[in-house]
Amino acid sequence: MSKPFLRIGGRRAVRAAAAAVVALGLLLWWLLPLGEEPPGGTITFSTGTRAGVYHKYGELLRDRLARDMPGLDVRLVPSAGSQENVERVASGKADFTIAAADAVETYKIQDRPGAEALRGVARLYDDYVQLVVPADSDVHSLADLKGKRVAIGMPNSGVRLIATRLLRAVGIDPERDITPRSDGIDTGPERLGEGLDAFFWSGGLPTDGLERLADKEAFRFVPIGEEVVAELHEQGGATRYYRATNIPESAYETVQNGAVVPTMAVANLLMTRDDLDPRLTEWLTRTVIESRDGIGRHVHSAQLVDLRTAIYTDPLHLHDGARRYYRSVKP
């Protein structure tokens, strides 16, 4: 073999190696924004009741964040739900949380402290209202709840906000026309039929607390029709975030027996404040989007997180860090 040929081959090998280095650099640039070291520090994430979807999602997200940002300490703090979550972030008691859009809008409409500083990170998945009664109950509609012992959710929960609005929409005073209870998904399933005639829950599908109940007790869902949702829309304000939908037949197969259940849903938002570090928020947003499938294997509703819709965090403006991430992956 001639020496010129060897020189040509050597040059090609060098060019190929250089191209590989460039490709690797581009890949690292994509995976590690600006080639920077992952952010560190400590953040507090307000979740929800331990048997609910918020808390389970928070636990799984913390695991994913640990892989992407080993120096970040994520502290999970359980809560009553959406209303408390919004207040915690607005007041600085928490840095990130998940809350339903109607609870966020209600906080803003009331012009409560820190409302102007709230920012969106991602639209995640929808909560479905689930009104649960024993299988042999005589309750077949919202109006039938009059005179019953009904769990309307914990104080400061998103469930409480929704349940009281639904009851009033059908002419039931939550304080006078029922015996209200403060049970949430942690205790409501256990007390159904033994101290409770019905309980409201609003969460992703399926919810662990209800799946466990389905394994041992017979129950059914009370439908919430489109006319009730339309009545809520007439009230204006935060009710515009409610939409009529169905609980799909696959949500709780042994309970629904192939039938869908009319109900209403509301979007969940991952949120923070405007003073959170943009670089940290950008990294966190990336992890949320890229961990969808991994988390979705354990939290079914998380499979619905979609890059195309995640940016729609109305009624909140996007945090600068989240906007930076979405722009970096824009087609």
C-alpha atoms as a PDB file:
ATOM      1  CA  MET A   1       0.000   0.000   0.000  1.00  0.00           C
ATOM      2  CA  SER A   2       1.446   3.404  -0.972  1.00  0.00           C
ATOM      3  CA  LYS A   3       2.323   6.128   1.516  1.00  0.00           C
ATOM      4  CA  PRO A   4       0.024   8.753  -0.155  1.00  0.00           C
ATOM      5  CA  PHE A   5      -2.929   6.407   0.335  1.00  0.00           C
ATOM      6  CA  LEU A   6      -2.014   5.977   3.990  1.00  0.00           C
ATOM      7  CA  ARG A   7      -1.863   9.756   4.429  1.00  0.00           C
ATOM      8  CA  ILE A   8      -5.290  10.170   2.817  1.00  0.00           C
ATOM      9  CA  GLY A   9      -6.722   7.433   5.027  1.00  0.00           C
ATOM     10  CA  GLY A  10      -5.227   9.037   8.107  1.00  0.00           C
ATOM     11  CA  ARG A  11      -6.736  12.401   7.260  1.00  0.00           C
ATOM     12  CA  ARG A  12     -10.143  10.784   6.802  1.00  0.00           C
ATOM     13  CA  ALA A  13      -9.839   9.086  10.180  1.00  0.00           C
ATOM     14  CA  VAL A  14      -8.944  12.394  11.814  1.00  0.00           C
ATOM     15  CA  ARG A  15     -11.923  14.122  10.175  1.00  0.00           C
ATOM     16  CA  ALA A  16     -14.224  11.288  11.250  1.00  0.00           C
ATOM     17  CA  ALA A  17     -12.955  11.499  14.820  1.00  0.00           C
ATOM     18  CA  ALA A  18     -13.415  15.283  14.830  1.00  0.00           C
ATOM     19  CA  ALA A  19     -16.961  14.899  13.525  1.00  0.00           C
ATOM     20  CA  ALA A  20     -17.695  12.384  16.287  1.00  0.00           C
ATOM     21  CA  VAL A  21     -16.399  14.816  18.906  1.00  0.00           C
ATOM     22  CA  VAL A  22     -18.613  17.573  17.488  1.00  0.00           C
ATOM     23  CA  ALA A  23     -21.634  15.254  17.478  1.00  0.00           C
ATOM     24  CA  LEU A  24     -20.951  14.245  21.074  1.00  0.00           C
ATOM     25  CA  GLY A  25     -20.613  17.897  22.035  1.00  0.00           C
ATOM     26  CA  LEU A  26     -23.966  18.717  20.420  1.00  0.00           C
ATOM     27  CA  LEU A  27     -25.590  15.804  22.215  1.00  0.00           C
ATOM     28  CA  LEU A  28     -24.199  16.980  25.561  1.00  0.00           C
ATOM     29  CA  TRP A  29     -25.319  20.529  24.778  1.00  0.00           C
ATOM     30  CA  TRP A  30     -28.839  19.230  24.209  1.00  0.00           C
ATOM     31  CA  LEU A  31     -28.861  17.084  27.328  1.00  0.00           C
ATOM     32  CA  LEU A  32     -27.012  19.589  29.521  1.00  0.00           C
ATOM     33  CA  PRO A  33     -28.204  23.127  28.687  1.00  0.00           C
ATOM     34  CA  LEU A  34     -25.265  25.392  27.819  1.00  0.00           C
ATOM     35  CA  GLY A  35     -22.935  22.642  29.040  1.00  0.00           C
ATOM     36  CA  GLU A  36     -23.435  23.819  32.598  1.00  0.00           C
ATOM     37  CA  GLU A  37     -23.227  21.759  35.738  1.00  0.00           C
ATOM     38  CA  PRO A  38     -26.679  20.745  37.027  1.00  0.00           C
ATOM     39  CA  PRO A  39     -28.220  23.188  39.516  1.00  0.00           C
ATOM     40  CA  GLY A  40     -28.104  22.264  43.193  1.00  0.00           C
ATOM     41  CA  GLY A  41     -29.510  23.474  46.463  1.00  0.00           C
ATOM     42  CA  THR A  42     -32.782  22.708  48.232  1.00  0.00           C
ATOM     43  CA  ILE A  43     -36.371  23.151  47.094  1.00  0.00           C
ATOM     44  CA  THR A  44     -39.678  22.402  48.800  1.00  0.00           C
ATOM     45  CA  PHE A  45     -42.407  20.714  46.776  1.00  0.00           C
ATOM     46  CA  SER A  46     -45.933  20.818  48.222  1.00  0.00           C
ATOM     47  CA  THR A  47     -47.824  17.694  47.114  1.00  0.00           C
ATOM     48  CA  GLY A  48     -51.196  16.544  48.455  1.00  0.00           C
ATOM     49  CA  THR A  49     -52.762  13.803  50.550  1.00  0.00           C
ATOM     50  CA  ARG A  50     -50.624  10.674  50.705  1.00  0.00           C
ATOM     51  CA  ALA A  51     -53.244   8.497  48.986  1.00  0.00           C
ATOM     52  CA  GLY A  52     -53.724  10.989  46.155  1.00  0.00           C
ATOM     53  CA  VAL A  53     -52.076  11.416  42.768  1.00  0.00           C
ATOM     54  CA  TYR A  54     -50.234  14.664  43.599  1.00  0.00           C
ATOM     55  CA  HIS A  55     -48.136  13.004  46.286  1.00  0.00           C
ATOM     56  CA  LYS A  56     -47.336   9.924  44.245  1.00  0.00           C
ATOM     57  CA  TYR A  57     -46.365  12.081  41.272  1.00  0.00           C
ATOM     58  CA  GLY A  58     -44.174  14.195  43.559  1.00  0.00           C
ATOM     59  CA  GLU A  59     -42.343  11.133  44.856  1.00  0.00           C
ATOM     60  CA  LEU A  60     -41.633   9.835  41.367  1.00  0.00           C
ATOM     61  CA  LEU A  61     -40.589  13.250  40.085  1.00  0.00           C
ATOM     62  CA  ARG A  62     -38.189  13.618  43.013  1.00  0.00           C
ATOM     63  CA  ASP A  63     -36.516  10.355  41.955  1.00  0.00           C
ATOM     64  CA  ARG A  64     -36.124  11.618  38.395  1.00  0.00           C
ATOM     65  CA  LEU A  65     -34.770  14.968  39.550  1.00  0.00           C
ATOM     66  CA  ALA A  66     -32.187  13.128  41.650  1.00  0.00           C
ATOM     67  CA  ARG A  67     -30.836  11.531  38.473  1.00  0.00           C
ATOM     68  CA  ASP A  68     -30.708  14.774  36.502  1.00  0.00           C
ATOM     69  CA  MET A  69     -29.638  17.069  39.342  1.00  0.00           C
ATOM     70  CA  PRO A  70     -27.792  15.000  41.979  1.00  0.00           C
ATOM     71  CA  GLY A  71     -26.985  18.101  44.004  1.00  0.00           C
ATOM     72  CA  LEU A  72     -30.613  19.156  44.349  1.00  0.00           C
ATOM     73  CA  ASP A  73     -32.404  18.243  47.575  1.00  0.00           C
ATOM     74  CA  VAL A  74     -36.163  17.999  46.938  1.00  0.00           C
ATOM     75  CA  ARG A  75     -38.258  18.067  50.084  1.00  0.00           C
ATOM     76  CA  LEU A  76     -41.834  16.837  49.697  1.00  0.00           C
ATOM     77  CA  VAL A  77     -44.478  18.268  52.012  1.00  0.00           C
ATOM     78  CA  PRO A  78     -47.988  16.698  52.003  1.00  0.00           C
ATOM     79  CA  SER A  79     -50.947  19.081  51.915  1.00  0.00           C
ATOM     80  CA  ALA A  80     -54.736  19.206  51.882  1.00  0.00           C
ATOM     81  CA  GLY A  81     -54.642  19.836  48.133  1.00  0.00           C
ATOM     82  CA  SER A  82     -54.854  22.580  45.535  1.00  0.00           C
ATOM     83  CA  GLN A  83     -55.986  25.522  47.629  1.00  0.00           C
ATOM     84  CA  GLU A  84     -53.314  24.985  50.253  1.00  0.00           C
ATOM     85  CA  ASN A  85     -50.719  24.338  47.563  1.00  0.00           C
ATOM     86  CA  VAL A  86     -51.365  27.657  45.856  1.00  0.00           C
ATOM     87  CA  GLU A  87     -51.159  29.525  49.160  1.00  0.00           C
ATOM     88  CA  ARG A  88     -47.895  27.803  50.097  1.00  0.00           C
ATOM     89  CA  VAL A  89     -46.144  28.775  46.878  1.00  0.00           C
ATOM     90  CA  ALA A  90     -47.542  32.313  46.906  1.00  0.00           C
ATOM     91  CA  SER A  91     -46.357  32.839  50.490  1.00  0.00           C
ATOM     92  CA  GLY A  92     -42.931  31.265  49.964  1.00  0.00           C
ATOM     93  CA  LYS A  93     -43.610  28.238  52.156  1.00  0.00           C
ATOM     94  CA  ALA A  94     -43.044  26.036  49.093  1.00  0.00           C
ATOM     95  CA  ASP A  95     -41.157  26.545  45.842  1.00  0.00           C
ATOM     96  CA  PHE A  96     -43.065  24.251  43.482  1.00  0.00           C
ATOM     97  CA  THR A  97     -46.414  22.515  43.570  1.00  0.00           C
ATOM     98  CA  ILE A  98     -49.290  21.097  41.544  1.00  0.00           C
ATOM     99  CA  ALA A  99     -52.698  22.762  41.682  1.00  0.00           C
ATOM    100  CA  ALA A 100     -55.915  22.699  39.696  1.00  0.00           C
ATOM    101  CA  ALA A 101     -56.471  25.688  37.422  1.00  0.00           C
ATOM    102  CA  ASP A 102     -59.732  26.663  39.120  1.00  0.00           C
ATOM    103  CA  ALA A 103     -58.005  26.913  42.508  1.00  0.00           C
ATOM    104  CA  VAL A 104     -55.258  29.059  40.996  1.00  0.00           C
ATOM    105  CA  GLU A 105     -57.773  31.376  39.355  1.00  0.00           C
ATOM    106  CA  THR A 106     -59.822  31.613  42.565  1.00  0.00           C
ATOM    107  CA  TYR A 107     -56.704  32.691  44.469  1.00  0.00           C
ATOM    108  CA  LYS A 108     -56.002  35.353  41.842  1.00  0.00           C
ATOM    109  CA  ILE A 109     -59.592  36.619  41.711  1.00  0.00           C
ATOM    110  CA  GLN A 110     -59.532  37.055  45.470  1.00  0.00           C
ATOM    111  CA  ASP A 111     -56.316  39.063  45.055  1.00  0.00           C
ATOM    112  CA  ARG A 112     -54.663  37.186  47.876  1.00  0.00           C
ATOM    113  CA  PRO A 113     -51.050  37.825  48.978  1.00  0.00           C
ATOM    114  CA  GLY A 114     -48.429  36.855  46.416  1.00  0.00           C
ATOM    115  CA  ALA A 115     -50.924  36.115  43.630  1.00  0.00           C
ATOM    116  CA  GLU A 116     -49.123  38.385  41.167  1.00  0.00           C
ATOM    117  CA  ALA A 117     -45.868  36.422  41.641  1.00  0.00           C
ATOM    118  CA  LEU A 118     -47.297  33.017  40.682  1.00  0.00           C
ATOM    119  CA  ARG A 119     -45.934  31.476  37.487  1.00  0.00           C
ATOM    120  CA  GLY A 120     -46.642  28.353  35.455  1.00  0.00           C
ATOM    121  CA  VAL A 121     -44.134  25.622  34.655  1.00  0.00           C
ATOM    122  CA  ALA A 122     -46.245  23.050  32.790  1.00  0.00           C
ATOM    123  CA  ARG A 123     -49.781  21.923  32.227  1.00  0.00           C
ATOM    124  CA  LEU A 124     -49.742  18.314  33.397  1.00  0.00           C
ATOM    125  CA  TYR A 125     -52.935  16.241  33.295  1.00  0.00           C
ATOM    126  CA  ASP A 126     -56.621  16.620  34.149  1.00  0.00           C
ATOM    127  CA  ASP A 127     -58.330  15.923  37.438  1.00  0.00           C
ATOM    128  CA  TYR A 128     -61.680  14.124  37.133  1.00  0.00           C
ATOM    129  CA  VAL A 129     -64.453  14.681  39.647  1.00  0.00           C
ATOM    130  CA  GLN A 130     -65.436  11.331  41.141  1.00  0.00           C
ATOM    131  CA  LEU A 131     -68.569  11.193  43.285  1.00  0.00           C
ATOM    132  CA  VAL A 132     -68.560   7.819  45.024  1.00  0.00           C
ATOM    133  CA  VAL A 133     -71.439   5.992  46.753  1.00  0.00           C
ATOM    134  CA  PRO A 134     -72.013   2.393  47.918  1.00  0.00           C
ATOM    135  CA  ALA A 135     -73.275   0.100  45.168  1.00  0.00           C
ATOM    136  CA  ASP A 136     -76.719  -0.229  46.786  1.00  0.00           C
ATOM    137  CA  SER A 137     -77.111   3.515  47.503  1.00  0.00           C
ATOM    138  CA  ASP A 138     -80.300   5.375  46.616  1.00  0.00           C
ATOM    139  CA  VAL A 139     -78.217   8.322  45.411  1.00  0.00           C
ATOM    140  CA  HIS A 140     -78.317   8.504  41.627  1.00  0.00           C
ATOM    141  CA  SER A 141     -77.797  12.231  41.051  1.00  0.00           C
ATOM    142  CA  LEU A 142     -76.275  15.237  42.764  1.00  0.00           C
ATOM    143  CA  ALA A 143     -79.737  16.332  43.915  1.00  0.00           C
ATOM    144  CA  ASP A 144     -80.174  13.021  45.766  1.00  0.00           C
ATOM    145  CA  LEU A 145     -77.382  14.028  48.158  1.00  0.00           C
ATOM    146  CA  LYS A 146     -79.772  16.247  50.093  1.00  0.00           C
ATOM    147  CA  GLY A 147     -79.999  15.008  53.685  1.00  0.00           C
ATOM    148  CA  LYS A 148     -77.010  12.687  53.282  1.00  0.00           C
ATOM    149  CA  ARG A 149     -73.658  12.484  55.060  1.00  0.00           C
ATOM    150  CA  VAL A 150     -71.268  13.689  52.395  1.00  0.00           C
ATOM    151  CA  ALA A 151     -67.490  14.106  52.448  1.00  0.00           C
ATOM    152  CA  ILE A 152     -66.751  17.312  50.566  1.00  0.00           C
ATOM    153  CA  GLY A 153     -62.986  17.233  50.975  1.00  0.00           C
ATOM    154  CA  MET A 154     -60.529  18.656  53.439  1.00  0.00           C
ATOM    155  CA  PRO A 155     -60.545  22.396  54.153  1.00  0.00           C
ATOM    156  CA  ASN A 156     -58.213  24.200  51.718  1.00  0.00           C
ATOM    157  CA  SER A 157     -58.423  21.340  49.235  1.00  0.00           C
ATOM    158  CA  GLY A 158     -59.363  21.580  45.597  1.00  0.00           C
ATOM    159  CA  VAL A 159     -62.028  18.942  46.250  1.00  0.00           C
ATOM    160  CA  ARG A 160     -63.752  21.240  48.761  1.00  0.00           C
ATOM    161  CA  LEU A 161     -63.815  24.060  46.217  1.00  0.00           C
ATOM    162  CA  ILE A 162     -65.357  21.876  43.514  1.00  0.00           C
ATOM    163  CA  ALA A 163     -67.794  19.971  45.744  1.00  0.00           C
ATOM    164  CA  THR A 164     -69.348  23.104  47.217  1.00  0.00           C
ATOM    165  CA  ARG A 165     -69.787  24.623  43.760  1.00  0.00           C
ATOM    166  CA  LEU A 166     -71.429  21.469  42.424  1.00  0.00           C
ATOM    167  CA  LEU A 167     -73.813  21.208  45.365  1.00  0.00           C
ATOM    168  CA  ARG A 168     -74.872  24.831  45.068  1.00  0.00           C
ATOM    169  CA  ALA A 169     -75.383  24.392  41.318  1.00  0.00           C
ATOM    170  CA  VAL A 170     -78.176  21.881  42.057  1.00  0.00           C
ATOM    171  CA  GLY A 171     -79.696  23.920  44.867  1.00  0.00           C
ATOM    172  CA  ILE A 172     -78.062  22.212  47.871  1.00  0.00           C
ATOM    173  CA  ASP A 173     -76.601  24.341  50.648  1.00  0.00           C
ATOM    174  CA  PRO A 174     -73.400  22.518  51.720  1.00  0.00           C
ATOM    175  CA  GLU A 175     -73.815  23.707  55.293  1.00  0.00           C
ATOM    176  CA  ARG A 176     -77.544  23.134  55.829  1.00  0.00           C
ATOM    177  CA  ASP A 177     -78.884  20.578  53.350  1.00  0.00           C
ATOM    178  CA  ILE A 178     -76.292  17.843  53.936  1.00  0.00           C
ATOM    179  CA  THR A 179     -74.167  16.687  56.830  1.00  0.00           C
ATOM    180  CA  PRO A 180     -70.766  17.768  55.523  1.00  0.00           C
ATOM    181  CA  ARG A 181     -67.660  15.782  56.380  1.00  0.00           C
ATOM    182  CA  SER A 182     -64.034  16.742  55.811  1.00  0.00           C
ATOM    183  CA  ASP A 183     -62.766  13.353  54.681  1.00  0.00           C
ATOM    184  CA  GLY A 184     -60.418  13.225  51.729  1.00  0.00           C
ATOM    185  CA  ILE A 185     -59.124  10.321  49.685  1.00  0.00           C
ATOM    186  CA  ASP A 186     -57.069   9.164  52.698  1.00  0.00           C
ATOM    187  CA  THR A 187     -60.114   8.386  54.865  1.00  0.00           C
ATOM    188  CA  GLY A 188     -63.196   8.690  52.660  1.00  0.00           C
ATOM    189  CA  PRO A 189     -62.991   5.219  51.082  1.00  0.00           C
ATOM    190  CA  GLU A 190     -62.676   3.544  54.496  1.00  0.00           C
ATOM    191  CA  ARG A 191     -65.729   5.325  55.882  1.00  0.00           C
ATOM    192  CA  LEU A 192     -68.016   4.821  52.889  1.00  0.00           C
ATOM    193  CA  GLY A 193     -71.156   3.119  54.158  1.00  0.00           C
ATOM    194  CA  GLU A 194     -69.961   3.487  57.746  1.00  0.00           C
ATOM    195  CA  GLY A 195     -70.421   7.144  58.580  1.00  0.00           C
ATOM    196  CA  LEU A 196     -70.490   8.382  55.003  1.00  0.00           C
ATOM    197  CA  ASP A 197     -73.206   8.070  52.371  1.00  0.00           C
ATOM    198  CA  ALA A 198     -71.038   9.595  49.644  1.00  0.00           C
ATOM    199  CA  PHE A 199     -67.746  11.319  49.089  1.00  0.00           C
ATOM    200  CA  PHE A 200     -66.305  13.636  46.494  1.00  0.00           C
ATOM    201  CA  TRP A 201     -62.868  13.200  45.036  1.00  0.00           C
ATOM    202  CA  SER A 202     -61.115  15.122  42.274  1.00  0.00           C
ATOM    203  CA  GLY A 203     -57.951  13.526  40.950  1.00  0.00           C
ATOM    204  CA  GLY A 204     -56.139  11.840  38.114  1.00  0.00           C
ATOM    205  CA  LEU A 205     -57.339   8.510  36.765  1.00  0.00           C
ATOM    206  CA  PRO A 206     -57.072   6.049  38.305  1.00  0.00           C
ATOM    207  CA  THR A 207     -56.448   7.092  41.908  1.00  0.00           C
ATOM    208  CA  ASP A 208     -54.763   4.524  44.161  1.00  0.00           C
ATOM    209  CA  GLY A 209     -57.207   5.094  47.034  1.00  0.00           C
ATOM    210  CA  LEU A 210     -60.153   4.164  44.829  1.00  0.00           C
ATOM    211  CA  GLU A 211     -58.370   1.242  43.199  1.00  0.00           C
ATOM    212  CA  ARG A 212     -57.787  -0.233  46.643  1.00  0.00           C
ATOM    213  CA  LEU A 213     -61.446   0.300  47.534  1.00  0.00           C
ATOM    214  CA  ALA A 214     -62.502  -1.441  44.328  1.00  0.00           C
ATOM    215  CA  ASP A 215     -60.526  -4.509  45.393  1.00  0.00           C
ATOM    216  CA  LYS A 216     -62.559  -4.990  48.570  1.00  0.00           C
ATOM    217  CA  GLU A 217     -65.836  -3.045  48.425  1.00  0.00           C
ATOM    218  CA  ALA A 218     -68.624  -2.582  45.881  1.00  0.00           C
ATOM    219  CA  PHE A 219     -69.199   1.048  44.950  1.00  0.00           C
ATOM    220  CA  ARG A 220     -70.295   3.099  41.970  1.00  0.00           C
ATOM    221  CA  PHE A 221     -69.970   6.596  40.587  1.00  0.00           C
ATOM    222  CA  VAL A 222     -72.765   9.145  40.488  1.00  0.00           C
ATOM    223  CA  PRO A 223     -72.875  10.887  37.084  1.00  0.00           C
ATOM    224  CA  ILE A 224     -72.369  14.638  36.793  1.00  0.00           C
ATOM    225  CA  GLY A 225     -74.141  15.743  33.623  1.00  0.00           C
ATOM    226  CA  GLU A 226     -73.299  18.420  31.081  1.00  0.00           C
ATOM    227  CA  GLU A 227     -76.203  20.536  32.302  1.00  0.00           C
ATOM    228  CA  VAL A 228     -74.542  20.910  35.704  1.00  0.00           C
ATOM    229  CA  VAL A 229     -71.266  21.973  34.118  1.00  0.00           C
ATOM    230  CA  ALA A 230     -73.172  24.468  31.975  1.00  0.00           C
ATOM    231  CA  GLU A 231     -74.805  25.844  35.117  1.00  0.00           C
ATOM    232  CA  LEU A 232     -71.375  26.332  36.671  1.00  0.00           C
ATOM    233  CA  HIS A 233     -70.135  28.126  33.561  1.00  0.00           C
ATOM    234  CA  GLU A 234     -73.005  30.594  33.930  1.00  0.00           C
ATOM    235  CA  GLN A 235     -71.463  31.684  37.223  1.00  0.00           C
ATOM    236  CA  GLY A 236     -68.317  32.902  35.467  1.00  0.00           C
ATOM    237  CA  GLY A 237     -64.952  33.369  37.133  1.00  0.00           C
ATOM    238  CA  ALA A 238     -62.912  30.266  37.892  1.00  0.00           C
ATOM    239  CA  THR A 239     -65.688  27.921  36.716  1.00  0.00           C
ATOM    240  CA  ARG A 240     -64.594  28.499  33.117  1.00  0.00           C
ATOM    241  CA  TYR A 241     -61.832  25.987  33.746  1.00  0.00           C
ATOM    242  CA  TYR A 242     -64.313  23.127  34.150  1.00  0.00           C
ATOM    243  CA  ARG A 243     -65.171  20.958  31.162  1.00  0.00           C
ATOM    244  CA  ALA A 244     -67.735  18.250  30.686  1.00  0.00           C
ATOM    245  CA  THR A 245     -66.216  14.846  29.972  1.00  0.00           C
ATOM    246  CA  ASN A 246     -66.484  11.161  30.871  1.00  0.00           C
ATOM    247  CA  ILE A 247     -64.589   8.847  33.167  1.00  0.00           C
ATOM    248  CA  PRO A 248     -63.426   6.286  30.557  1.00  0.00           C
ATOM    249  CA  GLU A 249     -64.553   2.705  30.996  1.00  0.00           C
ATOM    250  CA  SER A 250     -60.957   1.591  31.514  1.00  0.00           C
ATOM    251  CA  ALA A 251     -60.359   3.767  34.603  1.00  0.00           C
ATOM    252  CA  TYR A 252     -61.849   1.325  37.146  1.00  0.00           C
ATOM    253  CA  GLU A 253     -62.825  -1.695  35.101  1.00  0.00           C
ATOM    254  CA  THR A 254     -64.305  -3.808  37.919  1.00  0.00           C
ATOM    255  CA  VAL A 255     -66.511  -0.921  39.024  1.00  0.00           C
ATOM    256  CA  GLN A 256     -67.630   0.500  35.692  1.00  0.00           C
ATOM    257  CA  ASN A 257     -68.189  -2.787  33.865  1.00  0.00           C
ATOM    258  CA  GLY A 258     -67.537  -1.260  30.463  1.00  0.00           C
ATOM    259  CA  ALA A 259     -69.574   1.914  30.995  1.00  0.00           C
ATOM    260  CA  VAL A 260     -68.342   5.494  30.887  1.00  0.00           C
ATOM    261  CA  VAL A 261     -69.472   7.932  33.595  1.00  0.00           C
ATOM    262  CA  PRO A 262     -70.366  11.555  32.758  1.00  0.00           C
ATOM    263  CA  THR A 263     -68.442  14.003  34.921  1.00  0.00           C
ATOM    264  CA  MET A 264     -66.320  17.136  34.704  1.00  0.00           C
ATOM    265  CA  ALA A 265     -62.592  17.728  34.655  1.00  0.00           C
ATOM    266  CA  VAL A 266     -60.117  20.524  35.347  1.00  0.00           C
ATOM    267  CA  ALA A 267     -56.484  20.897  34.287  1.00  0.00           C
ATOM    268  CA  ASN A 268     -53.604  20.572  36.745  1.00  0.00           C
ATOM    269  CA  LEU A 269     -50.696  22.988  36.608  1.00  0.00           C
ATOM    270  CA  LEU A 270     -47.140  22.606  37.837  1.00  0.00           C
ATOM    271  CA  MET A 271     -46.385  26.031  39.247  1.00  0.00           C
ATOM    272  CA  THR A 272     -43.823  28.179  41.039  1.00  0.00           C
ATOM    273  CA  ARG A 273     -43.035  31.872  41.696  1.00  0.00           C
ATOM    274  CA  ASP A 274     -41.312  34.445  39.539  1.00  0.00           C
ATOM    275  CA  ASP A 275     -38.334  34.680  41.920  1.00  0.00           C
ATOM    276  CA  LEU A 276     -37.228  31.056  41.446  1.00  0.00           C
ATOM    277  CA  ASP A 277     -33.918  30.631  39.647  1.00  0.00           C
ATOM    278  CA  PRO A 278     -34.587  30.473  35.866  1.00  0.00           C
ATOM    279  CA  ARG A 279     -31.797  27.925  35.304  1.00  0.00           C
ATOM    280  CA  LEU A 280     -33.189  25.622  37.994  1.00  0.00           C
ATOM    281  CA  THR A 281     -36.698  25.993  36.610  1.00  0.00           C
ATOM    282  CA  GLU A 282     -35.466  25.251  33.078  1.00  0.00           C
ATOM    283  CA  TRP A 283     -33.799  22.038  34.234  1.00  0.00           C
ATOM    284  CA  LEU A 284     -36.835  21.023  36.262  1.00  0.00           C
ATOM    285  CA  THR A 285     -39.129  21.617  33.280  1.00  0.00           C
ATOM    286  CA  ARG A 286     -36.897  19.449  31.113  1.00  0.00           C
ATOM    287  CA  THR A 287     -37.064  16.622  33.650  1.00  0.00           C
ATOM    288  CA  VAL A 288     -40.863  16.875  33.886  1.00  0.00           C
ATOM    289  CA  ILE A 289     -41.287  16.541  30.132  1.00  0.00           C
ATOM    290  CA  GLU A 290     -38.625  13.897  29.547  1.00  0.00           C
ATOM    291  CA  SER A 291     -39.754  11.727  32.488  1.00  0.00           C
ATOM    292  CA  ARG A 292     -43.326  11.446  31.249  1.00  0.00           C
ATOM    293  CA  ASP A 293     -43.098   7.831  30.167  1.00  0.00           C
ATOM    294  CA  GLY A 294     -41.117   6.689  33.194  1.00  0.00           C
ATOM    295  CA  ILE A 295     -43.488   8.306  35.684  1.00  0.00           C
ATOM    296  CA  GLY A 296     -46.471   7.338  33.546  1.00  0.00           C
ATOM    297  CA  ARG A 297     -45.743   3.658  34.099  1.00  0.00           C
ATOM    298  CA  HIS A 298     -46.658   4.201  37.754  1.00  0.00           C
ATOM    299  CA  VAL A 299     -49.026   7.195  37.559  1.00  0.00           C
ATOM    300  CA  HIS A 300     -51.261   6.560  34.571  1.00  0.00           C
ATOM    301  CA  SER A 301     -52.473  10.155  34.304  1.00  0.00           C
ATOM    302  CA  ALA A 302     -48.878  11.372  33.894  1.00  0.00           C
ATOM    303  CA  GLN A 303     -48.840   9.707  30.463  1.00  0.00           C
ATOM    304  CA  LEU A 304     -50.993  12.619  29.302  1.00  0.00           C
ATOM    305  CA  VAL A 305     -48.249  15.192  29.840  1.00  0.00           C
ATOM    306  CA  ASP A 306     -47.610  16.528  26.337  1.00  0.00           C
ATOM    307  CA  LEU A 307     -44.930  18.952  25.145  1.00  0.00           C
ATOM    308  CA  ARG A 308     -47.435  20.499  22.725  1.00  0.00           C
ATOM    309  CA  THR A 309     -49.883  21.460  25.481  1.00  0.00           C
ATOM    310  CA  ALA A 310     -47.567  21.832  28.475  1.00  0.00           C
ATOM    311  CA  ILE A 311     -46.952  25.507  27.691  1.00  0.00           C
ATOM    312  CA  TYR A 312     -50.632  26.382  28.173  1.00  0.00           C
ATOM    313  CA  THR A 313     -50.581  27.238  31.869  1.00  0.00           C
ATOM    314  CA  ASP A 314     -53.501  29.690  31.869  1.00  0.00           C
ATOM    315  CA  PRO A 315     -54.312  31.497  34.187  1.00  0.00           C
ATOM    316  CA  LEU A 316     -50.580  31.752  34.920  1.00  0.00           C
ATOM    317  CA  HIS A 317     -47.851  33.284  32.795  1.00  0.00           C
ATOM    318  CA  LEU A 318     -44.946  30.930  32.104  1.00  0.00           C
ATOM    319  CA  HIS A 319     -41.895  31.224  34.320  1.00  0.00           C
ATOM    320  CA  ASP A 320     -38.883  32.549  32.379  1.00  0.00           C
ATOM    321  CA  GLY A 321     -36.969  29.316  32.971  1.00  0.00           C
ATOM    322  CA  ALA A 322     -39.819  27.161  31.669  1.00  0.00           C
ATOM    323  CA  ARG A 323     -40.161  29.423  28.614  1.00  0.00           C
ATOM    324  CA  ARG A 324     -36.445  29.032  27.954  1.00  0.00           C
ATOM    325  CA  TYR A 325     -36.813  25.252  27.905  1.00  0.00           C
ATOM    326  CA  TYR A 326     -39.837  25.235  25.584  1.00  0.00           C
ATOM    327  CA  ARG A 327     -38.053  27.543  23.144  1.00  0.00           C
ATOM    328  CA  SER A 328     -35.020  25.229  23.146  1.00  0.00           C
ATOM    329  CA  VAL A 329     -37.091  22.281  21.947  1.00  0.00           C
ATOM    330  CA  LYS A 330     -39.408  24.157  19.596  1.00  0.00           C
ATOM    331  CA  PRO A 331     -39.491  22.401  16.193  1.00  0.00           C
END
